[in-house]
């Protein structure tokens, strides 16, 4: 009977350790997702959110505009070198 109690206690301890590791990994993944979202904002591409892009600007489909922005289109100025 003692062996079964030790075995079930080991399983419980391993499960707790596994859950702690899983929680840490989930935290790190969700933290990275937040950083990715910031990197895809329109302003990170040097653009500005507008209702329509004007002359000398192109629409960047990768840039994300938020609800607080004045428009849904990410307009980035074209550069001439």
C-alpha atoms as a PDB file:
ATOM      1  CA  UNK A   1       0.000   0.000   0.000  1.00  0.00           C
ATOM      2  CA  UNK A   2       2.874   2.358   0.780  1.00  0.00           C
ATOM      3  CA  UNK A   3       4.319   1.991  -2.760  1.00  0.00           C
ATOM      4  CA  UNK A   4       0.995   3.050  -4.300  1.00  0.00           C
ATOM      5  CA  UNK A   5       0.840   6.125  -2.079  1.00  0.00           C
ATOM      6  CA  UNK A   6       4.387   7.120  -3.043  1.00  0.00           C
ATOM      7  CA  UNK A   7       3.612   6.575  -6.713  1.00  0.00           C
ATOM      8  CA  UNK A   8       0.474   8.718  -6.668  1.00  0.00           C
ATOM      9  CA  UNK A   9       2.286  11.438  -4.710  1.00  0.00           C
ATOM     10  CA  UNK A  10       5.039  11.479  -7.361  1.00  0.00           C
ATOM     11  CA  UNK A  11       2.453  11.793 -10.102  1.00  0.00           C
ATOM     12  CA  UNK A  12       0.797  14.724  -8.299  1.00  0.00           C
ATOM     13  CA  UNK A  13       4.144  16.498  -7.846  1.00  0.00           C
ATOM     14  CA  UNK A  14       5.075  15.956 -11.511  1.00  0.00           C
ATOM     15  CA  UNK A  15       1.667  17.271 -12.618  1.00  0.00           C
ATOM     16  CA  UNK A  16       2.100  20.421 -10.510  1.00  0.00           C
ATOM     17  CA  UNK A  17       5.583  21.009 -11.929  1.00  0.00           C
ATOM     18  CA  UNK A  18       4.213  20.460 -15.455  1.00  0.00           C
ATOM     19  CA  UNK A  19       1.416  22.993 -14.880  1.00  0.00           C
ATOM     20  CA  UNK A  20       3.878  25.580 -13.596  1.00  0.00           C
ATOM     21  CA  UNK A  21       6.078  25.107 -16.672  1.00  0.00           C
ATOM     22  CA  UNK A  22       3.011  25.312 -18.933  1.00  0.00           C
ATOM     23  CA  UNK A  23       1.929  28.573 -17.267  1.00  0.00           C
ATOM     24  CA  UNK A  24       5.395  30.103 -17.744  1.00  0.00           C
ATOM     25  CA  UNK A  25       5.507  29.114 -21.426  1.00  0.00           C
ATOM     26  CA  UNK A  26       1.995  30.509 -22.005  1.00  0.00           C
ATOM     27  CA  UNK A  27       2.981  33.793 -20.344  1.00  0.00           C
ATOM     28  CA  UNK A  28       6.048  34.126 -22.571  1.00  0.00           C
ATOM     29  CA  UNK A  29       4.059  33.368 -25.733  1.00  0.00           C
ATOM     30  CA  UNK A  30       1.336  35.909 -24.937  1.00  0.00           C
ATOM     31  CA  UNK A  31       3.951  38.508 -24.045  1.00  0.00           C
ATOM     32  CA  UNK A  32       5.545  38.021 -27.491  1.00  0.00           C
ATOM     33  CA  UNK A  33       2.165  38.357 -29.207  1.00  0.00           C
ATOM     34  CA  UNK A  34       1.746  41.803 -27.680  1.00  0.00           C
ATOM     35  CA  UNK A  35       5.117  42.882 -29.012  1.00  0.00           C
ATOM     36  CA  UNK A  36       4.230  41.580 -32.472  1.00  0.00           C
ATOM     37  CA  UNK A  37       1.036  43.619 -32.520  1.00  0.00           C
ATOM     38  CA  UNK A  38       2.975  46.804 -31.713  1.00  0.00           C
ATOM     39  CA  UNK A  39       5.404  46.077 -34.562  1.00  0.00           C
ATOM     40  CA  UNK A  40       2.597  45.909 -37.139  1.00  0.00           C
ATOM     41  CA  UNK A  41       0.937  49.222 -36.302  1.00  0.00           C
ATOM     42  CA  UNK A  42       0.812  51.704 -39.167  1.00  0.00           C
ATOM     43  CA  UNK A  43       3.066  54.183 -37.350  1.00  0.00           C
ATOM     44  CA  UNK A  44       5.810  51.553 -37.037  1.00  0.00           C
ATOM     45  CA  UNK A  45       6.012  51.578 -40.860  1.00  0.00           C
ATOM     46  CA  UNK A  46       6.292  55.366 -40.901  1.00  0.00           C
ATOM     47  CA  UNK A  47       2.705  55.717 -42.041  1.00  0.00           C
ATOM     48  CA  UNK A  48      -0.423  57.525 -40.952  1.00  0.00           C
ATOM     49  CA  UNK A  49      -3.981  56.209 -40.788  1.00  0.00           C
ATOM     50  CA  UNK A  50      -6.335  58.152 -43.065  1.00  0.00           C
ATOM     51  CA  UNK A  51      -9.652  57.838 -44.877  1.00  0.00           C
ATOM     52  CA  UNK A  52      -7.837  57.765 -48.234  1.00  0.00           C
ATOM     53  CA  UNK A  53      -4.216  57.885 -49.357  1.00  0.00           C
ATOM     54  CA  UNK A  54      -3.155  60.992 -51.247  1.00  0.00           C
ATOM     55  CA  UNK A  55      -0.697  61.618 -54.029  1.00  0.00           C
ATOM     56  CA  UNK A  56       2.821  60.629 -53.041  1.00  0.00           C
ATOM     57  CA  UNK A  57       1.548  57.957 -50.651  1.00  0.00           C
ATOM     58  CA  UNK A  58       0.892  54.261 -51.009  1.00  0.00           C
ATOM     59  CA  UNK A  59      -1.377  52.008 -49.008  1.00  0.00           C
ATOM     60  CA  UNK A  60       0.525  49.609 -46.770  1.00  0.00           C
ATOM     61  CA  UNK A  61      -1.680  46.552 -46.327  1.00  0.00           C
ATOM     62  CA  UNK A  62       0.521  45.214 -43.509  1.00  0.00           C
ATOM     63  CA  UNK A  63       0.040  48.312 -41.330  1.00  0.00           C
ATOM     64  CA  UNK A  64      -2.773  48.070 -38.791  1.00  0.00           C
ATOM     65  CA  UNK A  65      -4.967  51.041 -37.910  1.00  0.00           C
ATOM     66  CA  UNK A  66      -6.772  50.976 -34.571  1.00  0.00           C
ATOM     67  CA  UNK A  67     -10.239  52.248 -33.673  1.00  0.00           C
ATOM     68  CA  UNK A  68      -8.697  55.453 -32.279  1.00  0.00           C
ATOM     69  CA  UNK A  69      -7.101  56.345 -35.625  1.00  0.00           C
ATOM     70  CA  UNK A  70      -8.864  58.824 -37.938  1.00  0.00           C
ATOM     71  CA  UNK A  71      -9.112  56.357 -40.817  1.00  0.00           C
ATOM     72  CA  UNK A  72      -8.878  52.676 -41.753  1.00  0.00           C
ATOM     73  CA  UNK A  73      -6.090  52.957 -44.366  1.00  0.00           C
ATOM     74  CA  UNK A  74      -2.379  52.925 -43.552  1.00  0.00           C
ATOM     75  CA  UNK A  75      -0.836  55.496 -45.913  1.00  0.00           C
ATOM     76  CA  UNK A  76       2.953  55.609 -46.149  1.00  0.00           C
ATOM     77  CA  UNK A  77       4.759  58.372 -48.056  1.00  0.00           C
ATOM     78  CA  UNK A  78       6.734  57.247 -51.067  1.00  0.00           C
ATOM     79  CA  UNK A  79      10.387  58.111 -50.872  1.00  0.00           C
ATOM     80  CA  UNK A  80      12.403  59.259 -53.817  1.00  0.00           C
ATOM     81  CA  UNK A  81      16.111  58.680 -53.639  1.00  0.00           C
END
